[in-house]
N, C-alpha and C. Protein backbone atom coordinates (compact mmCIF):
# COMPACT_ATOMS: atom_id res chain seq x y z
N UNK A 1 12.36 -42.28 21.80
CA UNK A 1 13.25 -42.24 20.67
C UNK A 1 14.41 -41.31 20.97
N UNK A 2 15.59 -41.76 20.75
CA UNK A 2 16.74 -40.89 20.87
C UNK A 2 17.06 -40.31 19.51
N UNK A 3 17.99 -39.37 19.49
CA UNK A 3 18.34 -38.79 18.20
C UNK A 3 19.69 -38.08 18.28
N UNK A 4 20.28 -37.91 17.12
CA UNK A 4 21.48 -37.08 16.94
C UNK A 4 21.22 -36.19 15.77
N UNK A 5 21.90 -35.04 15.74
CA UNK A 5 21.62 -34.08 14.69
C UNK A 5 22.92 -33.57 14.10
N UNK A 6 22.93 -33.35 12.80
CA UNK A 6 24.05 -32.72 12.09
C UNK A 6 23.45 -31.58 11.29
N UNK A 7 24.01 -30.38 11.42
CA UNK A 7 23.44 -29.21 10.77
C UNK A 7 24.42 -28.57 9.80
N UNK A 8 23.87 -27.95 8.77
CA UNK A 8 24.64 -27.12 7.82
C UNK A 8 23.93 -25.78 7.74
N UNK A 9 24.49 -24.78 8.40
CA UNK A 9 23.90 -23.45 8.43
C UNK A 9 24.11 -22.76 7.10
N UNK A 10 23.04 -22.18 6.55
CA UNK A 10 23.12 -21.45 5.29
C UNK A 10 22.91 -19.96 5.51
N UNK A 11 21.94 -19.59 6.34
CA UNK A 11 21.63 -18.20 6.64
C UNK A 11 21.34 -18.09 8.12
N UNK A 12 21.57 -16.92 8.71
CA UNK A 12 21.17 -16.77 10.12
C UNK A 12 19.65 -16.77 10.23
N UNK A 13 19.11 -17.45 11.19
CA UNK A 13 17.67 -17.47 11.40
C UNK A 13 17.26 -16.25 12.20
N UNK A 14 16.60 -15.32 11.57
CA UNK A 14 16.20 -14.07 12.23
C UNK A 14 14.74 -14.13 12.71
N UNK A 15 14.04 -15.15 12.31
CA UNK A 15 12.66 -15.38 12.76
C UNK A 15 12.59 -16.82 13.25
N UNK A 16 11.40 -17.25 13.59
CA UNK A 16 11.22 -18.65 13.98
C UNK A 16 11.57 -19.54 12.79
N UNK A 17 12.13 -20.70 13.07
CA UNK A 17 12.44 -21.64 12.00
C UNK A 17 11.59 -22.89 12.19
N UNK A 18 11.32 -23.57 11.08
CA UNK A 18 10.45 -24.73 11.08
C UNK A 18 11.09 -25.85 10.28
N UNK A 19 10.82 -27.08 10.71
CA UNK A 19 11.32 -28.25 9.98
C UNK A 19 10.19 -29.27 9.89
N UNK A 20 10.20 -30.03 8.83
CA UNK A 20 9.23 -31.10 8.67
C UNK A 20 9.97 -32.34 8.19
N UNK A 21 9.82 -33.43 8.93
CA UNK A 21 10.41 -34.69 8.55
C UNK A 21 9.30 -35.60 8.06
N UNK A 22 9.52 -36.23 6.93
CA UNK A 22 8.54 -37.15 6.37
C UNK A 22 9.12 -38.56 6.39
N UNK A 23 8.35 -39.46 6.97
CA UNK A 23 8.75 -40.87 7.04
C UNK A 23 7.67 -41.66 6.31
N UNK A 24 8.06 -42.37 5.26
CA UNK A 24 7.09 -43.12 4.46
C UNK A 24 6.63 -44.36 5.21
N UNK A 25 5.50 -44.90 4.79
CA UNK A 25 4.99 -46.14 5.37
C UNK A 25 6.00 -47.27 5.19
N UNK A 26 6.68 -47.27 4.05
CA UNK A 26 7.71 -48.28 3.78
C UNK A 26 8.85 -48.17 4.79
N UNK A 27 9.29 -46.95 5.09
CA UNK A 27 10.36 -46.76 6.07
C UNK A 27 9.90 -47.18 7.46
N UNK A 28 8.66 -46.84 7.82
CA UNK A 28 8.12 -47.24 9.13
C UNK A 28 8.09 -48.75 9.24
N UNK A 29 7.63 -49.42 8.20
CA UNK A 29 7.57 -50.89 8.20
C UNK A 29 8.97 -51.49 8.35
N UNK A 30 9.93 -50.92 7.62
CA UNK A 30 11.31 -51.42 7.69
C UNK A 30 11.88 -51.25 9.10
N UNK A 31 11.63 -50.09 9.71
CA UNK A 31 12.13 -49.84 11.07
C UNK A 31 11.46 -50.78 12.06
N UNK A 32 10.16 -50.96 11.94
CA UNK A 32 9.46 -51.89 12.83
C UNK A 32 10.00 -53.31 12.70
N UNK A 33 10.21 -53.73 11.47
CA UNK A 33 10.74 -55.07 11.24
C UNK A 33 12.14 -55.22 11.84
N UNK A 34 12.97 -54.19 11.64
CA UNK A 34 14.34 -54.24 12.17
C UNK A 34 14.36 -54.24 13.70
N UNK A 35 13.36 -53.59 14.33
CA UNK A 35 13.32 -53.50 15.79
C UNK A 35 12.54 -54.65 16.43
N UNK A 36 11.91 -55.48 15.63
CA UNK A 36 11.03 -56.54 16.16
C UNK A 36 11.74 -57.49 17.12
N UNK A 37 13.02 -57.74 16.89
CA UNK A 37 13.75 -58.65 17.75
C UNK A 37 14.28 -58.03 19.02
N UNK A 38 13.99 -56.73 19.24
CA UNK A 38 14.44 -56.05 20.45
C UNK A 38 15.73 -55.27 20.27
N UNK A 39 16.32 -55.35 19.07
CA UNK A 39 17.55 -54.61 18.82
C UNK A 39 17.25 -53.14 18.59
N UNK A 40 18.25 -52.28 18.84
CA UNK A 40 18.08 -50.86 18.54
C UNK A 40 18.20 -50.66 17.04
N UNK A 41 17.53 -49.64 16.56
CA UNK A 41 17.55 -49.30 15.14
C UNK A 41 17.91 -47.82 15.04
N UNK A 42 18.92 -47.49 14.25
CA UNK A 42 19.33 -46.11 14.02
C UNK A 42 19.10 -45.78 12.56
N UNK A 43 18.43 -44.67 12.30
CA UNK A 43 18.18 -44.23 10.93
C UNK A 43 18.40 -42.72 10.84
N UNK A 44 18.98 -42.29 9.72
CA UNK A 44 19.19 -40.87 9.46
C UNK A 44 18.10 -40.35 8.54
N UNK A 45 17.63 -39.12 8.82
CA UNK A 45 16.66 -38.44 7.98
C UNK A 45 17.18 -37.03 7.69
N UNK A 46 16.89 -36.53 6.50
CA UNK A 46 17.35 -35.21 6.06
C UNK A 46 16.15 -34.29 5.86
N UNK A 47 16.35 -33.02 6.17
CA UNK A 47 15.33 -32.02 5.88
C UNK A 47 15.96 -30.63 5.88
N UNK A 48 15.14 -29.65 5.61
CA UNK A 48 15.59 -28.25 5.61
C UNK A 48 14.89 -27.50 6.72
N UNK A 49 15.62 -26.58 7.36
CA UNK A 49 15.01 -25.64 8.30
C UNK A 49 14.66 -24.39 7.50
N UNK A 50 13.42 -23.94 7.61
CA UNK A 50 12.96 -22.77 6.87
C UNK A 50 12.47 -21.72 7.85
N UNK A 51 12.69 -20.45 7.49
CA UNK A 51 12.22 -19.37 8.34
C UNK A 51 10.78 -19.00 7.98
N UNK A 52 10.26 -17.96 8.63
CA UNK A 52 8.87 -17.55 8.37
C UNK A 52 8.64 -17.08 6.94
N UNK A 53 9.71 -16.68 6.25
CA UNK A 53 9.60 -16.27 4.84
C UNK A 53 9.80 -17.44 3.89
N UNK A 54 9.87 -18.65 4.44
CA UNK A 54 10.06 -19.90 3.69
C UNK A 54 11.43 -20.00 3.02
N UNK A 55 12.41 -19.26 3.54
CA UNK A 55 13.77 -19.36 3.04
C UNK A 55 14.50 -20.46 3.81
N UNK A 56 15.32 -21.22 3.10
CA UNK A 56 16.10 -22.27 3.75
C UNK A 56 17.23 -21.62 4.54
N UNK A 57 17.25 -21.85 5.85
CA UNK A 57 18.32 -21.31 6.69
C UNK A 57 19.34 -22.38 7.04
N UNK A 58 18.95 -23.63 6.95
CA UNK A 58 19.90 -24.72 7.24
C UNK A 58 19.35 -26.02 6.66
N UNK A 59 20.27 -26.91 6.37
CA UNK A 59 19.92 -28.28 6.01
C UNK A 59 20.39 -29.14 7.17
N UNK A 60 19.51 -30.01 7.64
CA UNK A 60 19.85 -30.82 8.81
C UNK A 60 19.70 -32.30 8.49
N UNK A 61 20.47 -33.06 9.22
CA UNK A 61 20.44 -34.52 9.15
C UNK A 61 20.23 -34.98 10.58
N UNK A 62 19.17 -35.70 10.84
CA UNK A 62 18.85 -36.10 12.21
C UNK A 62 18.79 -37.62 12.29
N UNK A 63 19.43 -38.17 13.32
CA UNK A 63 19.41 -39.61 13.52
C UNK A 63 18.40 -39.94 14.60
N UNK A 64 17.53 -40.90 14.31
CA UNK A 64 16.58 -41.35 15.33
C UNK A 64 17.00 -42.73 15.83
N UNK A 65 16.64 -42.99 17.07
CA UNK A 65 16.92 -44.25 17.73
C UNK A 65 15.56 -44.87 18.06
N UNK A 66 15.35 -46.11 17.63
CA UNK A 66 14.10 -46.80 17.88
C UNK A 66 14.41 -48.15 18.50
N UNK A 67 13.65 -48.49 19.52
CA UNK A 67 13.76 -49.81 20.13
C UNK A 67 12.40 -50.16 20.71
N UNK A 68 11.99 -51.41 20.54
CA UNK A 68 10.71 -51.83 21.11
C UNK A 68 10.80 -51.79 22.63
N UNK A 69 9.68 -51.47 23.25
CA UNK A 69 9.65 -51.47 24.71
C UNK A 69 9.88 -52.90 25.20
N UNK A 70 10.60 -53.00 26.25
CA UNK A 70 10.81 -54.33 26.85
C UNK A 70 9.57 -54.72 27.63
N UNK A 71 9.31 -56.02 27.67
CA UNK A 71 8.17 -56.48 28.45
C UNK A 71 8.41 -56.18 29.91
N UNK A 72 7.35 -55.73 30.57
CA UNK A 72 7.45 -55.47 32.00
C UNK A 72 6.77 -56.60 32.73
N UNK A 73 7.19 -56.82 33.94
CA UNK A 73 6.54 -57.86 34.74
C UNK A 73 5.25 -57.31 35.31
N UNK A 74 4.29 -58.17 35.51
CA UNK A 74 2.99 -57.77 36.04
C UNK A 74 3.06 -57.83 37.56
N UNK A 75 2.85 -56.68 38.23
CA UNK A 75 2.87 -56.70 39.70
C UNK A 75 1.74 -57.58 40.24
N UNK A 76 1.99 -58.28 41.29
CA UNK A 76 1.00 -59.15 41.91
C UNK A 76 0.67 -58.59 43.27
N UNK A 77 -0.63 -58.48 43.57
CA UNK A 77 -1.06 -57.96 44.87
C UNK A 77 -0.85 -59.02 45.94
N UNK A 78 -1.09 -58.64 47.19
CA UNK A 78 -0.94 -59.57 48.31
C UNK A 78 -1.86 -60.78 48.17
N UNK A 79 -2.99 -60.60 47.49
CA UNK A 79 -3.94 -61.71 47.34
C UNK A 79 -3.51 -62.66 46.23
N UNK A 80 -2.44 -62.30 45.47
CA UNK A 80 -1.95 -63.17 44.43
C UNK A 80 -2.54 -62.85 43.06
N UNK A 81 -3.43 -61.86 42.98
CA UNK A 81 -4.03 -61.49 41.70
C UNK A 81 -3.26 -60.33 41.08
N UNK A 82 -3.19 -60.31 39.77
CA UNK A 82 -2.55 -59.20 39.09
C UNK A 82 -3.38 -57.94 39.27
N UNK A 83 -2.71 -56.82 39.46
CA UNK A 83 -3.44 -55.56 39.64
C UNK A 83 -3.92 -55.03 38.29
N UNK A 84 -4.98 -54.23 38.33
CA UNK A 84 -5.55 -53.72 37.09
C UNK A 84 -4.65 -52.69 36.43
N UNK A 85 -3.75 -52.09 37.16
CA UNK A 85 -2.86 -51.07 36.60
C UNK A 85 -1.67 -51.68 35.87
N UNK A 86 -1.53 -52.99 35.94
CA UNK A 86 -0.38 -53.63 35.30
C UNK A 86 -0.55 -53.65 33.80
N UNK A 87 0.55 -53.40 33.10
CA UNK A 87 0.54 -53.41 31.63
C UNK A 87 1.76 -54.14 31.14
N UNK A 88 1.64 -54.68 29.95
CA UNK A 88 2.82 -55.21 29.27
C UNK A 88 2.99 -54.44 28.00
N UNK A 89 4.21 -54.27 27.57
CA UNK A 89 4.48 -53.48 26.36
C UNK A 89 4.39 -54.36 25.15
């Protein structure tokens, strides 16, 4: 997954900062459906960065990039049989 980020700093982070992104089952289903044909899917998500005192130090907007794995070809051994390590996505 690729991503881009946009930040709005509110306070300097003087301790560790934490973020939590929540993606609903509905959003996951929508993204999967949009990516089913092999196209890339870009979605923005918003959250807050909080410090150890649970104060908001920044609000962030992060873009994720989703694309289904492309099918890989199955390697064939010299005997003509597919190897056991071969996988398809």
